[in-house]
Amino acid sequence: VFEPDAANHAVYDDLFADFSAIRESVAEQWPRLAASRSRHSNLLPTGDLELEPESMSILE
């Protein structure tokens, strides 16, 4: 279970607001994106996504 850091609450809220706005702005393009993904599935990465520690610095 994810336990958010209370000290970063404002950061989480800001990031979620950005995510929500972006998600809403591209929602009508999802069918096109899904079709493209289906056509090019052989080019998509497989397996687990490994993040480098420095890529997580946005939340610090």
N, C-alpha and C. Protein backbone atom coordinates (compact mmCIF):
# COMPACT_ATOMS: atom_id res chain seq x y z
N VAL A 1 0.85 -1.18 0.00
CA VAL A 1 0.00 0.00 0.00
C VAL A 1 0.89 1.23 0.00
N PHE A 2 0.59 2.15 -0.88
CA PHE A 2 1.36 3.40 -0.97
C PHE A 2 0.94 4.34 0.14
N GLU A 3 1.89 4.80 0.91
CA GLU A 3 1.64 5.79 1.96
C GLU A 3 2.29 7.10 1.52
N PRO A 4 1.49 8.08 1.11
CA PRO A 4 2.08 9.34 0.64
C PRO A 4 2.78 10.09 1.76
N ASP A 5 3.83 10.78 1.39
CA ASP A 5 4.57 11.61 2.32
C ASP A 5 3.79 12.91 2.50
N ALA A 6 3.35 13.18 3.70
CA ALA A 6 2.53 14.37 3.96
C ALA A 6 3.26 15.65 3.57
N ALA A 7 4.57 15.66 3.68
CA ALA A 7 5.34 16.85 3.32
C ALA A 7 5.27 17.13 1.82
N ASN A 8 4.99 16.12 1.03
CA ASN A 8 4.92 16.29 -0.43
C ASN A 8 3.49 16.39 -0.94
N HIS A 9 2.53 16.55 -0.06
CA HIS A 9 1.11 16.55 -0.46
C HIS A 9 0.83 17.58 -1.54
N ALA A 10 1.36 18.79 -1.40
CA ALA A 10 1.13 19.83 -2.41
C ALA A 10 1.72 19.44 -3.76
N VAL A 11 2.87 18.78 -3.74
CA VAL A 11 3.49 18.32 -4.99
C VAL A 11 2.60 17.28 -5.65
N TYR A 12 2.10 16.33 -4.87
CA TYR A 12 1.21 15.29 -5.40
C TYR A 12 -0.04 15.93 -6.01
N ASP A 13 -0.63 16.89 -5.30
CA ASP A 13 -1.82 17.56 -5.82
C ASP A 13 -1.54 18.27 -7.14
N ASP A 14 -0.40 18.95 -7.21
CA ASP A 14 -0.03 19.68 -8.43
C ASP A 14 0.20 18.72 -9.59
N LEU A 15 0.92 17.63 -9.33
CA LEU A 15 1.16 16.64 -10.39
C LEU A 15 -0.14 16.01 -10.85
N PHE A 16 -1.04 15.72 -9.92
CA PHE A 16 -2.31 15.10 -10.31
C PHE A 16 -3.16 16.08 -11.12
N ALA A 17 -3.12 17.35 -10.76
CA ALA A 17 -3.86 18.35 -11.55
C ALA A 17 -3.34 18.39 -12.98
N ASP A 18 -2.02 18.36 -13.13
CA ASP A 18 -1.43 18.33 -14.48
C ASP A 18 -1.84 17.07 -15.22
N PHE A 19 -1.73 15.92 -14.56
CA PHE A 19 -2.12 14.65 -15.17
C PHE A 19 -3.57 14.69 -15.63
N SER A 20 -4.46 15.18 -14.77
CA SER A 20 -5.88 15.22 -15.11
C SER A 20 -6.15 16.11 -16.32
N ALA A 21 -5.49 17.27 -16.36
CA ALA A 21 -5.68 18.19 -17.49
C ALA A 21 -5.16 17.58 -18.79
N ILE A 22 -4.00 16.96 -18.73
CA ILE A 22 -3.43 16.33 -19.93
C ILE A 22 -4.31 15.18 -20.38
N ARG A 23 -4.74 14.36 -19.43
CA ARG A 23 -5.60 13.21 -19.76
C ARG A 23 -6.87 13.67 -20.46
N GLU A 24 -7.49 14.71 -19.92
CA GLU A 24 -8.72 15.22 -20.52
C GLU A 24 -8.47 15.79 -21.91
N SER A 25 -7.34 16.47 -22.09
CA SER A 25 -7.07 17.12 -23.37
C SER A 25 -6.79 16.12 -24.50
N VAL A 26 -6.34 14.92 -24.18
CA VAL A 26 -6.04 13.93 -25.22
C VAL A 26 -7.06 12.79 -25.28
N ALA A 27 -8.10 12.86 -24.48
CA ALA A 27 -9.06 11.75 -24.39
C ALA A 27 -9.66 11.37 -25.75
N GLU A 28 -9.96 12.34 -26.59
CA GLU A 28 -10.57 12.00 -27.87
C GLU A 28 -9.58 11.36 -28.84
N GLN A 29 -8.29 11.43 -28.53
CA GLN A 29 -7.27 10.79 -29.37
C GLN A 29 -6.96 9.36 -28.95
N TRP A 30 -7.50 8.89 -27.82
CA TRP A 30 -7.20 7.55 -27.33
C TRP A 30 -7.47 6.45 -28.34
N PRO A 31 -8.60 6.47 -29.06
CA PRO A 31 -8.82 5.41 -30.05
C PRO A 31 -7.72 5.39 -31.12
N ARG A 32 -7.29 6.56 -31.55
CA ARG A 32 -6.20 6.63 -32.54
C ARG A 32 -4.90 6.08 -31.96
N LEU A 33 -4.60 6.44 -30.71
CA LEU A 33 -3.39 5.94 -30.06
C LEU A 33 -3.43 4.43 -29.89
N ALA A 34 -4.60 3.91 -29.51
CA ALA A 34 -4.75 2.46 -29.33
C ALA A 34 -4.57 1.74 -30.66
N ALA A 35 -5.14 2.29 -31.72
CA ALA A 35 -5.00 1.67 -33.04
C ALA A 35 -3.54 1.68 -33.48
N SER A 36 -2.85 2.77 -33.23
CA SER A 36 -1.43 2.85 -33.58
C SER A 36 -0.62 1.83 -32.79
N ARG A 37 -0.95 1.71 -31.52
CA ARG A 37 -0.24 0.73 -30.68
C ARG A 37 -0.47 -0.69 -31.21
N SER A 38 -1.68 -0.98 -31.63
CA SER A 38 -1.99 -2.31 -32.17
C SER A 38 -1.22 -2.58 -33.46
N ARG A 39 -1.14 -1.57 -34.31
CA ARG A 39 -0.43 -1.73 -35.59
C ARG A 39 1.07 -1.92 -35.40
N HIS A 40 1.61 -1.35 -34.33
CA HIS A 40 3.06 -1.36 -34.14
C HIS A 40 3.47 -2.08 -32.86
N SER A 41 2.70 -3.07 -32.45
CA SER A 41 2.97 -3.74 -31.18
C SER A 41 4.33 -4.43 -31.17
N ASN A 42 4.87 -4.77 -32.33
CA ASN A 42 6.18 -5.42 -32.38
C ASN A 42 7.31 -4.46 -31.98
N LEU A 43 7.03 -3.16 -31.94
CA LEU A 43 8.05 -2.18 -31.59
C LEU A 43 7.98 -1.74 -30.13
N LEU A 44 6.97 -2.21 -29.41
CA LEU A 44 6.78 -1.77 -28.03
C LEU A 44 7.71 -2.53 -27.09
N PRO A 45 8.17 -1.85 -26.03
CA PRO A 45 9.01 -2.54 -25.05
C PRO A 45 8.21 -3.59 -24.31
N THR A 46 8.89 -4.62 -23.87
CA THR A 46 8.24 -5.66 -23.08
C THR A 46 9.01 -5.80 -21.78
N GLY A 47 8.40 -6.45 -20.82
CA GLY A 47 9.06 -6.66 -19.54
C GLY A 47 8.81 -5.51 -18.58
N ASP A 48 9.50 -5.56 -17.46
CA ASP A 48 9.33 -4.55 -16.43
C ASP A 48 10.05 -3.26 -16.81
N LEU A 49 9.46 -2.16 -16.43
CA LEU A 49 10.07 -0.86 -16.63
C LEU A 49 11.00 -0.59 -15.46
N GLU A 50 12.25 -0.32 -15.75
CA GLU A 50 13.21 -0.04 -14.70
C GLU A 50 13.54 1.45 -14.73
N LEU A 51 13.25 2.12 -13.63
CA LEU A 51 13.52 3.55 -13.52
C LEU A 51 14.83 3.77 -12.79
N GLU A 52 15.61 4.66 -13.32
CA GLU A 52 16.85 5.04 -12.65
C GLU A 52 16.50 5.98 -11.50
N PRO A 53 17.22 5.91 -10.39
CA PRO A 53 16.91 6.78 -9.23
C PRO A 53 16.83 8.25 -9.59
N GLU A 54 17.69 8.73 -10.50
CA GLU A 54 17.66 10.15 -10.84
C GLU A 54 16.36 10.54 -11.55
N SER A 55 15.67 9.59 -12.17
CA SER A 55 14.41 9.92 -12.85
C SER A 55 13.29 10.16 -11.85
N MET A 56 13.49 9.80 -10.60
CA MET A 56 12.47 10.00 -9.58
C MET A 56 12.67 11.32 -8.83
N SER A 57 13.68 12.10 -9.19
CA SER A 57 14.01 13.32 -8.46
C SER A 57 12.94 14.39 -8.55
N ILE A 58 12.00 14.27 -9.47
CA ILE A 58 10.94 15.28 -9.60
C ILE A 58 10.12 15.39 -8.32
N LEU A 59 10.03 14.32 -7.56
CA LEU A 59 9.23 14.34 -6.34
C LEU A 59 10.03 14.77 -5.12
N GLU A 60 11.29 15.06 -5.31
CA GLU A 60 12.12 15.45 -4.16
C GLU A 60 12.11 16.94 -3.96
